[in-house]
Amino acid sequence: MVKEKSQWKEFIETLSVLQWVLTFLFLGVSCLTLMVCLMFTSLWWLSVLHFIWLAVDWQTPERGGRNKTFVRRWKVWEHYRDYFPIKLVKTAELNPNRNYILGCHPHGIMSVGGFACFSTDSCGFAEAFPGMRSTLVVLAGLFRIPLLREYIMSADIYPVSKPSLAHLLSKRGKGNAVVIVIGGAEESLSSSPGVNTVVMKQRKGFVRVALEHGADLVPVYSFGENELFRQVIFSDGTLGRRLQDLFKKIMGFAPCLFLGERLLVLPYRTPITTVVGRPISVPKRVLPTEEEVNHYHKLYMDALTELFHENKMSVGLPEGHELRII
């Protein structure tokens, strides 16, 4: 029997998710605006000092960051988890004497499941996989924004760039699970309730990195991720889609027109089940060939499809529901 939540508990959960949504949407712009505005006040020297520090510290995110994890341990993430709720499901062991690249699908609008399971301690990843350390990697441009970069590095988040991935997979020993949301901004534009579409066919860079470092590949699927928001989907070739693609090309992320449940931005209280699949053994190749990359890319897509179909009925999807890979 499910225990009914108190009004106070629901209120705390709502605040926890609201702060995350506002952070996702506005913190970067707010930090940049603040630093620019300070330049035109008597506190201009604060901005100057910070921009000097930014220049000196430019490469830190790609060299292991601050090695701080206090943000991911905040109690607020437990309330954030309970709002939906979010559950992490383990299907196989991960060897702490190996390194892994976990491909997380789908992106959705805000990658809620990926963030909760792999960038906070709220879903029990460390307990489910003893000896493993999960690290979420995100858009590298976020680490160029003053103040914001300090916040996300404190959550043990790193840029999804080749130098950063090389550091995480070769300079931190074993037992690293580097989590990449493979579909990225392009996939977010396909996020819609009742649809499970992943952008994968031309995304092979992560496979090449896995081969270069001998890191095993693990497919991950967050069921329910696409149910959290209602998005206006623009068809290919329309003015709206062309503007989204242009913005994505310039800024690295896509502006999505979406609506939530309350206050228009709060996601629907829909359960998210993040399933971690079985690892695919990958050999180490200093210079992987295209044939090797294509081979392991196909193995990964097949494993992701199998993971989806093995678990879809347990989360309420009909037997005939298909995973679309584009």
C-alpha atoms as a PDB file:
ATOM      1  CA  MET A   1       0.000   0.000   0.000  1.00  0.00           C
ATOM      2  CA  VAL A   2       1.399   3.381  -1.040  1.00  0.00           C
ATOM      3  CA  LYS A   3       1.592   5.860   1.792  1.00  0.00           C
ATOM      4  CA  GLU A   4      -0.233   9.096   0.980  1.00  0.00           C
ATOM      5  CA  LYS A   5       1.957  12.175   0.936  1.00  0.00           C
ATOM      6  CA  SER A   6       1.225  15.092   3.218  1.00  0.00           C
ATOM      7  CA  GLN A   7       0.567  18.511   1.740  1.00  0.00           C
ATOM      8  CA  TRP A   8       3.825  19.720   3.279  1.00  0.00           C
ATOM      9  CA  LYS A   9       5.785  16.918   1.592  1.00  0.00           C
ATOM     10  CA  GLU A  10       4.198  17.697  -1.784  1.00  0.00           C
ATOM     11  CA  PHE A  11       4.982  21.397  -1.303  1.00  0.00           C
ATOM     12  CA  ILE A  12       8.662  20.669  -0.550  1.00  0.00           C
ATOM     13  CA  GLU A  13       8.870  18.387  -3.580  1.00  0.00           C
ATOM     14  CA  THR A  14       7.358  21.082  -5.775  1.00  0.00           C
ATOM     15  CA  LEU A  15       9.854  23.681  -4.523  1.00  0.00           C
ATOM     16  CA  SER A  16      12.719  21.233  -5.094  1.00  0.00           C
ATOM     17  CA  VAL A  17      11.728  20.669  -8.712  1.00  0.00           C
ATOM     18  CA  LEU A  18      10.950  24.348  -9.299  1.00  0.00           C
ATOM     19  CA  GLN A  19      14.448  25.407  -8.225  1.00  0.00           C
ATOM     20  CA  TRP A  20      15.900  22.829 -10.630  1.00  0.00           C
ATOM     21  CA  VAL A  21      13.742  24.003 -13.548  1.00  0.00           C
ATOM     22  CA  LEU A  22      14.595  27.670 -12.902  1.00  0.00           C
ATOM     23  CA  THR A  23      18.269  26.754 -12.620  1.00  0.00           C
ATOM     24  CA  PHE A  24      18.113  24.831 -15.898  1.00  0.00           C
ATOM     25  CA  LEU A  25      16.348  27.636 -17.743  1.00  0.00           C
ATOM     26  CA  PHE A  26      17.706  30.849 -16.261  1.00  0.00           C
ATOM     27  CA  LEU A  27      20.830  30.443 -14.088  1.00  0.00           C
ATOM     28  CA  GLY A  28      23.291  30.693 -16.967  1.00  0.00           C
ATOM     29  CA  VAL A  29      21.688  33.826 -18.406  1.00  0.00           C
ATOM     30  CA  SER A  30      21.378  35.356 -14.917  1.00  0.00           C
ATOM     31  CA  CYS A  31      25.043  34.756 -14.072  1.00  0.00           C
ATOM     32  CA  LEU A  32      26.246  36.260 -17.335  1.00  0.00           C
ATOM     33  CA  THR A  33      23.882  39.239 -17.011  1.00  0.00           C
ATOM     34  CA  LEU A  34      25.027  39.882 -13.457  1.00  0.00           C
ATOM     35  CA  MET A  35      28.710  39.954 -14.396  1.00  0.00           C
ATOM     36  CA  VAL A  36      28.084  42.291 -17.332  1.00  0.00           C
ATOM     37  CA  CYS A  37      25.869  44.652 -15.292  1.00  0.00           C
ATOM     38  CA  LEU A  38      28.474  44.870 -12.536  1.00  0.00           C
ATOM     39  CA  MET A  39      30.887  46.321 -15.104  1.00  0.00           C
ATOM     40  CA  PHE A  40      28.769  49.482 -15.122  1.00  0.00           C
ATOM     41  CA  THR A  41      28.686  49.960 -11.358  1.00  0.00           C
ATOM     42  CA  SER A  42      31.171  50.848  -8.645  1.00  0.00           C
ATOM     43  CA  LEU A  43      31.699  47.121  -8.198  1.00  0.00           C
ATOM     44  CA  TRP A  44      33.158  46.787 -11.698  1.00  0.00           C
ATOM     45  CA  TRP A  45      36.363  45.411 -10.251  1.00  0.00           C
ATOM     46  CA  LEU A  46      34.546  42.256  -9.122  1.00  0.00           C
ATOM     47  CA  SER A  47      33.691  41.428 -12.708  1.00  0.00           C
ATOM     48  CA  VAL A  48      37.224  42.224 -13.865  1.00  0.00           C
ATOM     49  CA  LEU A  49      38.749  39.970 -11.213  1.00  0.00           C
ATOM     50  CA  HIS A  50      36.343  37.171 -12.032  1.00  0.00           C
ATOM     51  CA  PHE A  51      36.987  37.356 -15.763  1.00  0.00           C
ATOM     52  CA  ILE A  52      40.738  37.271 -15.072  1.00  0.00           C
ATOM     53  CA  TRP A  53      40.178  34.220 -12.898  1.00  0.00           C
ATOM     54  CA  LEU A  54      38.055  32.682 -15.648  1.00  0.00           C
ATOM     55  CA  ALA A  55      40.907  33.092 -18.136  1.00  0.00           C
ATOM     56  CA  VAL A  56      43.459  31.594 -15.745  1.00  0.00           C
ATOM     57  CA  ASP A  57      41.124  28.728 -14.802  1.00  0.00           C
ATOM     58  CA  TRP A  58      39.824  28.087 -18.327  1.00  0.00           C
ATOM     59  CA  GLN A  59      41.043  24.493 -18.659  1.00  0.00           C
ATOM     60  CA  THR A  60      40.123  23.269 -15.179  1.00  0.00           C
ATOM     61  CA  PRO A  61      36.780  21.650 -16.156  1.00  0.00           C
ATOM     62  CA  GLU A  62      38.594  19.470 -18.702  1.00  0.00           C
ATOM     63  CA  ARG A  63      41.303  18.519 -16.194  1.00  0.00           C
ATOM     64  CA  GLY A  64      39.229  17.032 -13.442  1.00  0.00           C
ATOM     65  CA  GLY A  65      37.360  20.115 -12.239  1.00  0.00           C
ATOM     66  CA  ARG A  66      37.318  20.941  -8.541  1.00  0.00           C
ATOM     67  CA  ASN A  67      36.813  17.339  -7.415  1.00  0.00           C
ATOM     68  CA  LYS A  68      33.967  18.597  -5.206  1.00  0.00           C
ATOM     69  CA  THR A  69      30.745  16.669  -4.754  1.00  0.00           C
ATOM     70  CA  PHE A  70      28.854  18.538  -2.023  1.00  0.00           C
ATOM     71  CA  VAL A  71      26.062  19.743  -4.350  1.00  0.00           C
ATOM     72  CA  ARG A  72      25.193  16.193  -5.412  1.00  0.00           C
ATOM     73  CA  ARG A  73      24.707  15.243  -1.750  1.00  0.00           C
ATOM     74  CA  TRP A  74      22.104  17.943  -1.036  1.00  0.00           C
ATOM     75  CA  LYS A  75      18.946  16.707   0.664  1.00  0.00           C
ATOM     76  CA  VAL A  76      16.877  18.662  -1.860  1.00  0.00           C
ATOM     77  CA  TRP A  77      17.561  16.016  -4.519  1.00  0.00           C
ATOM     78  CA  GLU A  78      15.701  13.390  -2.493  1.00  0.00           C
ATOM     79  CA  HIS A  79      12.569  15.550  -2.634  1.00  0.00           C
ATOM     80  CA  TYR A  80      13.262  16.162  -6.337  1.00  0.00           C
ATOM     81  CA  ARG A  81      13.392  12.363  -6.840  1.00  0.00           C
ATOM     82  CA  ASP A  82      10.147  11.801  -4.936  1.00  0.00           C
ATOM     83  CA  TYR A  83       8.209  14.387  -6.945  1.00  0.00           C
ATOM     84  CA  PHE A  84       7.973  12.118 -10.012  1.00  0.00           C
ATOM     85  CA  PRO A  85       9.190   9.625  -8.543  1.00  0.00           C
ATOM     86  CA  ILE A  86      12.474   8.481 -10.147  1.00  0.00           C
ATOM     87  CA  LYS A  87      13.769   4.931  -9.808  1.00  0.00           C
ATOM     88  CA  LEU A  88      17.122   3.451 -10.851  1.00  0.00           C
ATOM     89  CA  VAL A  89      16.978  -0.166 -12.077  1.00  0.00           C
ATOM     90  CA  LYS A  90      20.052  -2.383 -12.320  1.00  0.00           C
ATOM     91  CA  THR A  91      20.083  -5.289 -14.799  1.00  0.00           C
ATOM     92  CA  ALA A  92      23.744  -6.346 -14.602  1.00  0.00           C
ATOM     93  CA  GLU A  93      26.890  -5.813 -12.563  1.00  0.00           C
ATOM     94  CA  LEU A  94      29.523  -3.214 -13.428  1.00  0.00           C
ATOM     95  CA  ASN A  95      33.072  -4.263 -12.630  1.00  0.00           C
ATOM     96  CA  PRO A  96      34.819  -1.594 -10.481  1.00  0.00           C
ATOM     97  CA  ASN A  97      38.099  -2.597 -12.130  1.00  0.00           C
ATOM     98  CA  ARG A  98      36.816  -1.321 -15.471  1.00  0.00           C
ATOM     99  CA  ASN A  99      35.783   2.059 -16.835  1.00  0.00           C
ATOM    100  CA  TYR A 100      32.496   2.553 -18.661  1.00  0.00           C
ATOM    101  CA  ILE A 101      30.709   4.983 -20.946  1.00  0.00           C
ATOM    102  CA  LEU A 102      26.977   4.965 -20.213  1.00  0.00           C
ATOM    103  CA  GLY A 103      24.808   6.272 -23.025  1.00  0.00           C
ATOM    104  CA  CYS A 104      21.678   7.799 -21.515  1.00  0.00           C
ATOM    105  CA  HIS A 105      18.491   7.979 -23.603  1.00  0.00           C
ATOM    106  CA  PRO A 106      16.291   9.852 -24.305  1.00  0.00           C
ATOM    107  CA  HIS A 107      17.325  13.451 -23.674  1.00  0.00           C
ATOM    108  CA  GLY A 108      13.783  14.670 -23.103  1.00  0.00           C
ATOM    109  CA  ILE A 109      13.451  18.378 -22.390  1.00  0.00           C
ATOM    110  CA  MET A 110      15.703  18.526 -19.314  1.00  0.00           C
ATOM    111  CA  SER A 111      17.243  15.045 -18.849  1.00  0.00           C
ATOM    112  CA  VAL A 112      15.545  14.720 -15.469  1.00  0.00           C
ATOM    113  CA  GLY A 113      16.220  11.003 -15.032  1.00  0.00           C
ATOM    114  CA  GLY A 114      19.851  11.216 -16.104  1.00  0.00           C
ATOM    115  CA  PHE A 115      20.546  14.097 -13.742  1.00  0.00           C
ATOM    116  CA  ALA A 116      18.854  12.509 -10.727  1.00  0.00           C
ATOM    117  CA  CYS A 117      20.397   9.057 -11.151  1.00  0.00           C
ATOM    118  CA  PHE A 118      23.929   9.973 -12.152  1.00  0.00           C
ATOM    119  CA  SER A 119      24.616  13.489 -10.859  1.00  0.00           C
ATOM    120  CA  THR A 120      23.010  13.242  -7.425  1.00  0.00           C
ATOM    121  CA  ASP A 121      23.201  10.590  -4.706  1.00  0.00           C
ATOM    122  CA  SER A 122      19.408  10.440  -4.373  1.00  0.00           C
ATOM    123  CA  CYS A 123      18.755   7.332  -6.493  1.00  0.00           C
ATOM    124  CA  GLY A 124      21.383   5.057  -4.962  1.00  0.00           C
ATOM    125  CA  PHE A 125      23.821   4.535  -7.834  1.00  0.00           C
ATOM    126  CA  ALA A 126      26.786   4.013  -5.476  1.00  0.00           C
ATOM    127  CA  GLU A 127      24.824   1.415  -3.493  1.00  0.00           C
ATOM    128  CA  ALA A 128      23.596  -0.399  -6.625  1.00  0.00           C
ATOM    129  CA  PHE A 129      27.071  -0.459  -8.163  1.00  0.00           C
ATOM    130  CA  PRO A 130      29.661  -0.699  -5.352  1.00  0.00           C
ATOM    131  CA  GLY A 131      33.039   0.759  -6.244  1.00  0.00           C
ATOM    132  CA  MET A 132      31.668   2.755  -9.170  1.00  0.00           C
ATOM    133  CA  ARG A 133      31.578   6.553  -9.509  1.00  0.00           C
ATOM    134  CA  SER A 134      29.043   8.063 -11.903  1.00  0.00           C
ATOM    135  CA  THR A 135      29.913  11.299 -13.681  1.00  0.00           C
ATOM    136  CA  LEU A 136      27.487  13.180 -15.925  1.00  0.00           C
ATOM    137  CA  VAL A 137      29.043  15.131 -18.803  1.00  0.00           C
ATOM    138  CA  VAL A 138      27.147  18.019 -20.393  1.00  0.00           C
ATOM    139  CA  LEU A 139      27.421  20.783 -22.981  1.00  0.00           C
ATOM    140  CA  ALA A 140      30.952  22.213 -22.837  1.00  0.00           C
ATOM    141  CA  GLY A 141      29.739  25.769 -23.408  1.00  0.00           C
ATOM    142  CA  LEU A 142      28.159  25.845 -19.938  1.00  0.00           C
ATOM    143  CA  PHE A 143      31.646  25.862 -18.435  1.00  0.00           C
ATOM    144  CA  ARG A 144      32.430  29.153 -20.183  1.00  0.00           C
ATOM    145  CA  ILE A 145      29.712  30.980 -18.232  1.00  0.00           C
ATOM    146  CA  PRO A 146      31.031  32.773 -15.122  1.00  0.00           C
ATOM    147  CA  LEU A 147      29.688  31.602 -11.751  1.00  0.00           C
ATOM    148  CA  LEU A 148      27.542  28.899 -13.366  1.00  0.00           C
ATOM    149  CA  ARG A 149      30.645  26.798 -14.030  1.00  0.00           C
ATOM    150  CA  GLU A 150      31.491  26.818 -10.327  1.00  0.00           C
ATOM    151  CA  TYR A 151      28.033  25.565  -9.428  1.00  0.00           C
ATOM    152  CA  ILE A 152      27.970  22.693 -11.900  1.00  0.00           C
ATOM    153  CA  MET A 153      31.543  21.650 -11.098  1.00  0.00           C
ATOM    154  CA  SER A 154      30.468  21.449  -7.454  1.00  0.00           C
ATOM    155  CA  ALA A 155      27.908  18.875  -8.580  1.00  0.00           C
ATOM    156  CA  ASP A 156      30.757  16.787 -10.072  1.00  0.00           C
ATOM    157  CA  ILE A 157      29.575  17.518 -13.623  1.00  0.00           C
ATOM    158  CA  TYR A 158      32.100  17.829 -16.469  1.00  0.00           C
ATOM    159  CA  PRO A 159      32.093  18.981 -20.117  1.00  0.00           C
ATOM    160  CA  VAL A 160      31.406  16.472 -22.858  1.00  0.00           C
ATOM    161  CA  SER A 161      34.594  17.302 -24.748  1.00  0.00           C
ATOM    162  CA  LYS A 162      37.350  14.970 -25.912  1.00  0.00           C
ATOM    163  CA  PRO A 163      39.993  16.272 -23.433  1.00  0.00           C
ATOM    164  CA  SER A 164      37.491  15.981 -20.578  1.00  0.00           C
ATOM    165  CA  LEU A 165      36.492  12.424 -21.527  1.00  0.00           C
ATOM    166  CA  ALA A 166      40.152  11.455 -21.908  1.00  0.00           C
ATOM    167  CA  HIS A 167      40.874  12.747 -18.390  1.00  0.00           C
ATOM    168  CA  LEU A 168      37.899  10.959 -16.843  1.00  0.00           C
ATOM    169  CA  LEU A 169      38.743   7.653 -18.527  1.00  0.00           C
ATOM    170  CA  SER A 170      42.525   7.673 -18.118  1.00  0.00           C
ATOM    171  CA  LYS A 171      43.522   9.942 -15.196  1.00  0.00           C
ATOM    172  CA  ARG A 172      41.115   8.865 -12.445  1.00  0.00           C
ATOM    173  CA  GLY A 173      41.900   5.181 -12.175  1.00  0.00           C
ATOM    174  CA  LYS A 174      39.201   2.542 -12.526  1.00  0.00           C
ATOM    175  CA  GLY A 175      35.564   2.371 -11.525  1.00  0.00           C
ATOM    176  CA  ASN A 176      34.426   5.395 -13.534  1.00  0.00           C
ATOM    177  CA  ALA A 177      31.002   5.459 -15.184  1.00  0.00           C
ATOM    178  CA  VAL A 178      30.963   8.444 -17.532  1.00  0.00           C
ATOM    179  CA  VAL A 179      27.381   9.258 -18.532  1.00  0.00           C
ATOM    180  CA  ILE A 180      26.705  10.914 -21.904  1.00  0.00           C
ATOM    181  CA  VAL A 181      23.234  11.944 -23.062  1.00  0.00           C
ATOM    182  CA  ILE A 182      23.925  10.807 -26.610  1.00  0.00           C
ATOM    183  CA  GLY A 183      21.030  12.453 -28.470  1.00  0.00           C
ATOM    184  CA  GLY A 184      21.754  15.921 -27.102  1.00  0.00           C
ATOM    185  CA  ALA A 185      19.912  19.017 -28.258  1.00  0.00           C
ATOM    186  CA  GLU A 186      18.672  17.443 -31.486  1.00  0.00           C
ATOM    187  CA  GLU A 187      16.918  14.689 -29.562  1.00  0.00           C
ATOM    188  CA  SER A 188      15.219  17.179 -27.252  1.00  0.00           C
ATOM    189  CA  LEU A 189      13.324  18.524 -30.280  1.00  0.00           C
ATOM    190  CA  SER A 190      11.710  15.084 -30.709  1.00  0.00           C
ATOM    191  CA  SER A 191      10.577  14.812 -27.088  1.00  0.00           C
ATOM    192  CA  SER A 192       6.850  14.249 -26.933  1.00  0.00           C
ATOM    193  CA  PRO A 193       4.481  12.176 -24.744  1.00  0.00           C
ATOM    194  CA  GLY A 194       3.793   8.712 -26.093  1.00  0.00           C
ATOM    195  CA  VAL A 195       6.822   8.802 -28.400  1.00  0.00           C
ATOM    196  CA  ASN A 196      10.186   7.107 -27.845  1.00  0.00           C
ATOM    197  CA  THR A 197      12.635   8.457 -30.402  1.00  0.00           C
ATOM    198  CA  VAL A 198      16.407   8.504 -29.987  1.00  0.00           C
ATOM    199  CA  VAL A 199      18.980  10.214 -32.192  1.00  0.00           C
ATOM    200  CA  MET A 200      21.706   7.599 -32.637  1.00  0.00           C
ATOM    201  CA  LYS A 201      22.467   6.536 -36.184  1.00  0.00           C
ATOM    202  CA  GLN A 202      25.111   9.207 -36.844  1.00  0.00           C
ATOM    203  CA  ARG A 203      26.306   9.597 -33.229  1.00  0.00           C
ATOM    204  CA  LYS A 204      29.539   7.557 -33.223  1.00  0.00           C
ATOM    205  CA  GLY A 205      32.021   9.798 -31.395  1.00  0.00           C
ATOM    206  CA  PHE A 206      31.339   8.181 -28.036  1.00  0.00           C
ATOM    207  CA  VAL A 207      32.095   4.750 -29.530  1.00  0.00           C
ATOM    208  CA  ARG A 208      35.436   5.991 -30.841  1.00  0.00           C
ATOM    209  CA  VAL A 209      36.324   7.398 -27.409  1.00  0.00           C
ATOM    210  CA  ALA A 210      35.351   4.081 -25.803  1.00  0.00           C
ATOM    211  CA  LEU A 211      37.681   2.215 -28.167  1.00  0.00           C
ATOM    212  CA  GLU A 212      40.545   4.657 -27.608  1.00  0.00           C
ATOM    213  CA  HIS A 213      40.370   4.087 -23.848  1.00  0.00           C
ATOM    214  CA  GLY A 214      39.100   0.519 -23.692  1.00  0.00           C
ATOM    215  CA  ALA A 215      35.969   1.642 -21.857  1.00  0.00           C
ATOM    216  CA  ASP A 216      32.988  -0.720 -22.023  1.00  0.00           C
ATOM    217  CA  LEU A 217      29.702   0.648 -23.362  1.00  0.00           C
ATOM    218  CA  VAL A 218      26.460   0.490 -21.375  1.00  0.00           C
ATOM    219  CA  PRO A 219      23.036   1.500 -22.748  1.00  0.00           C
ATOM    220  CA  VAL A 220      20.683   3.318 -20.354  1.00  0.00           C
ATOM    221  CA  TYR A 221      17.022   4.134 -20.987  1.00  0.00           C
ATOM    222  CA  SER A 222      14.875   6.489 -18.890  1.00  0.00           C
ATOM    223  CA  PHE A 223      11.274   5.405 -19.387  1.00  0.00           C
ATOM    224  CA  GLY A 224       8.883   8.297 -18.751  1.00  0.00           C
ATOM    225  CA  GLU A 225      11.375  11.046 -19.624  1.00  0.00           C
ATOM    226  CA  ASN A 226       9.362  12.176 -22.641  1.00  0.00           C
ATOM    227  CA  GLU A 227       6.114  12.307 -20.653  1.00  0.00           C
ATOM    228  CA  LEU A 228       7.131  15.219 -18.406  1.00  0.00           C
ATOM    229  CA  PHE A 229       6.274  18.110 -20.745  1.00  0.00           C
ATOM    230  CA  ARG A 230       4.019  18.843 -23.702  1.00  0.00           C
ATOM    231  CA  GLN A 231       6.127  20.273 -26.503  1.00  0.00           C
ATOM    232  CA  VAL A 232       5.216  22.135 -29.668  1.00  0.00           C
ATOM    233  CA  ILE A 233       6.850  20.018 -32.402  1.00  0.00           C
ATOM    234  CA  PHE A 234       7.754  21.867 -35.586  1.00  0.00           C
ATOM    235  CA  SER A 235       7.955  19.722 -38.713  1.00  0.00           C
ATOM    236  CA  ASP A 236      11.173  19.626 -40.724  1.00  0.00           C
ATOM    237  CA  GLY A 237      11.387  22.515 -43.154  1.00  0.00           C
ATOM    238  CA  THR A 238       9.017  24.824 -41.291  1.00  0.00           C
ATOM    239  CA  LEU A 239      10.162  28.271 -40.190  1.00  0.00           C
ATOM    240  CA  GLY A 240       9.954  27.286 -36.532  1.00  0.00           C
ATOM    241  CA  ARG A 241      12.187  24.244 -37.027  1.00  0.00           C
ATOM    242  CA  ARG A 242      14.682  26.190 -39.129  1.00  0.00           C
ATOM    243  CA  LEU A 243      14.975  28.794 -36.375  1.00  0.00           C
ATOM    244  CA  GLN A 244      15.480  26.065 -33.765  1.00  0.00           C
ATOM    245  CA  ASP A 245      18.175  24.419 -35.889  1.00  0.00           C
ATOM    246  CA  LEU A 246      19.915  27.766 -36.456  1.00  0.00           C
ATOM    247  CA  PHE A 247      19.898  28.534 -32.729  1.00  0.00           C
ATOM    248  CA  LYS A 248      21.224  25.039 -31.984  1.00  0.00           C
ATOM    249  CA  LYS A 249      24.028  25.467 -34.514  1.00  0.00           C
ATOM    250  CA  ILE A 250      25.117  28.786 -32.971  1.00  0.00           C
ATOM    251  CA  MET A 251      24.552  28.115 -29.257  1.00  0.00           C
ATOM    252  CA  GLY A 252      24.880  24.336 -29.024  1.00  0.00           C
ATOM    253  CA  PHE A 253      21.415  23.761 -27.581  1.00  0.00           C
ATOM    254  CA  ALA A 254      17.895  24.000 -28.942  1.00  0.00           C
ATOM    255  CA  PRO A 255      15.110  26.266 -27.643  1.00  0.00           C
ATOM    256  CA  CYS A 256      12.068  24.058 -27.027  1.00  0.00           C
ATOM    257  CA  LEU A 257       8.533  25.421 -26.725  1.00  0.00           C
ATOM    258  CA  PHE A 258       7.002  23.344 -23.957  1.00  0.00           C
ATOM    259  CA  LEU A 259       4.340  23.437 -21.275  1.00  0.00           C
ATOM    260  CA  GLY A 260       4.302  21.729 -17.918  1.00  0.00           C
ATOM    261  CA  GLU A 261       1.664  20.957 -15.341  1.00  0.00           C
ATOM    262  CA  ARG A 262       1.656  23.921 -12.945  1.00  0.00           C
ATOM    263  CA  LEU A 263       3.091  27.403 -13.450  1.00  0.00           C
ATOM    264  CA  LEU A 264       3.557  26.190 -17.046  1.00  0.00           C
ATOM    265  CA  VAL A 265       7.140  25.066 -16.293  1.00  0.00           C
ATOM    266  CA  LEU A 266       6.691  22.389 -13.629  1.00  0.00           C
ATOM    267  CA  PRO A 267       6.869  18.910 -15.156  1.00  0.00           C
ATOM    268  CA  TYR A 268       3.996  16.468 -14.826  1.00  0.00           C
ATOM    269  CA  ARG A 269       4.242  14.051 -11.894  1.00  0.00           C
ATOM    270  CA  THR A 270       5.046  11.081 -14.093  1.00  0.00           C
ATOM    271  CA  PRO A 271       7.202   8.184 -12.836  1.00  0.00           C
ATOM    272  CA  ILE A 272      10.640   7.870 -14.419  1.00  0.00           C
ATOM    273  CA  THR A 273      12.362   4.477 -14.469  1.00  0.00           C
ATOM    274  CA  THR A 274      16.016   4.653 -15.487  1.00  0.00           C
ATOM    275  CA  VAL A 275      17.235   1.196 -16.504  1.00  0.00           C
ATOM    276  CA  VAL A 276      20.977   0.487 -16.705  1.00  0.00           C
ATOM    277  CA  GLY A 277      21.655  -2.253 -19.242  1.00  0.00           C
ATOM    278  CA  ARG A 278      24.328  -4.900 -19.614  1.00  0.00           C
ATOM    279  CA  PRO A 279      27.850  -3.747 -20.528  1.00  0.00           C
ATOM    280  CA  ILE A 280      29.298  -4.341 -23.985  1.00  0.00           C
ATOM    281  CA  SER A 281      32.957  -5.358 -23.767  1.00  0.00           C
ATOM    282  CA  VAL A 282      35.141  -2.973 -25.810  1.00  0.00           C
ATOM    283  CA  PRO A 283      38.858  -3.526 -26.564  1.00  0.00           C
ATOM    284  CA  LYS A 284      41.432  -0.742 -26.395  1.00  0.00           C
ATOM    285  CA  ARG A 285      42.583   0.604 -29.743  1.00  0.00           C
ATOM    286  CA  VAL A 286      44.971   3.539 -30.030  1.00  0.00           C
ATOM    287  CA  LEU A 287      43.692   4.294 -33.537  1.00  0.00           C
ATOM    288  CA  PRO A 288      40.342   2.567 -34.027  1.00  0.00           C
ATOM    289  CA  THR A 289      39.325   1.927 -37.621  1.00  0.00           C
ATOM    290  CA  GLU A 290      36.002   2.974 -39.103  1.00  0.00           C
ATOM    291  CA  GLU A 291      35.045  -0.696 -39.333  1.00  0.00           C
ATOM    292  CA  GLU A 292      35.634  -1.132 -35.585  1.00  0.00           C
ATOM    293  CA  VAL A 293      33.682   2.019 -34.749  1.00  0.00           C
ATOM    294  CA  ASN A 294      30.772   0.920 -36.942  1.00  0.00           C
ATOM    295  CA  HIS A 295      30.826  -2.582 -35.459  1.00  0.00           C
ATOM    296  CA  TYR A 296      30.595  -1.459 -31.833  1.00  0.00           C
ATOM    297  CA  HIS A 297      28.129   1.267 -32.733  1.00  0.00           C
ATOM    298  CA  LYS A 298      25.816  -1.398 -34.183  1.00  0.00           C
ATOM    299  CA  LEU A 299      26.293  -3.599 -31.116  1.00  0.00           C
ATOM    300  CA  TYR A 300      25.331  -0.638 -28.962  1.00  0.00           C
ATOM    301  CA  MET A 301      22.190   0.187 -30.962  1.00  0.00           C
ATOM    302  CA  ASP A 302      21.129  -3.467 -30.845  1.00  0.00           C
ATOM    303  CA  ALA A 303      21.721  -3.574 -27.076  1.00  0.00           C
ATOM    304  CA  LEU A 304      19.737  -0.368 -26.562  1.00  0.00           C
ATOM    305  CA  THR A 305      16.825  -1.748 -28.598  1.00  0.00           C
ATOM    306  CA  GLU A 306      16.910  -4.993 -26.626  1.00  0.00           C
ATOM    307  CA  LEU A 307      17.000  -3.103 -23.318  1.00  0.00           C
ATOM    308  CA  PHE A 308      13.960  -1.054 -24.369  1.00  0.00           C
ATOM    309  CA  HIS A 309      11.875  -4.065 -25.387  1.00  0.00           C
ATOM    310  CA  GLU A 310      12.845  -6.141 -22.347  1.00  0.00           C
ATOM    311  CA  ASN A 311      11.642  -3.444 -19.954  1.00  0.00           C
ATOM    312  CA  LYS A 312       8.869  -1.534 -21.737  1.00  0.00           C
ATOM    313  CA  MET A 313       5.953  -3.641 -20.468  1.00  0.00           C
ATOM    314  CA  SER A 314       7.140  -3.420 -16.851  1.00  0.00           C
ATOM    315  CA  VAL A 315       6.693   0.371 -17.002  1.00  0.00           C
ATOM    316  CA  GLY A 316       3.263   0.251 -18.613  1.00  0.00           C
ATOM    317  CA  LEU A 317       4.031   0.480 -22.335  1.00  0.00           C
ATOM    318  CA  PRO A 318       2.080  -1.835 -24.649  1.00  0.00           C
ATOM    319  CA  GLU A 319       3.815  -4.861 -26.154  1.00  0.00           C
ATOM    320  CA  GLY A 320       3.642  -3.347 -29.630  1.00  0.00           C
ATOM    321  CA  HIS A 321       5.290  -0.049 -28.680  1.00  0.00           C
ATOM    322  CA  GLU A 322       8.430   0.547 -30.743  1.00  0.00           C
ATOM    323  CA  LEU A 323      11.672   2.415 -30.190  1.00  0.00           C
ATOM    324  CA  ARG A 324      12.454   4.689 -33.127  1.00  0.00           C
ATOM    325  CA  ILE A 325      16.142   5.264 -33.841  1.00  0.00           C
ATOM    326  CA  ILE A 326      17.010   8.101 -36.234  1.00  0.00           C
END
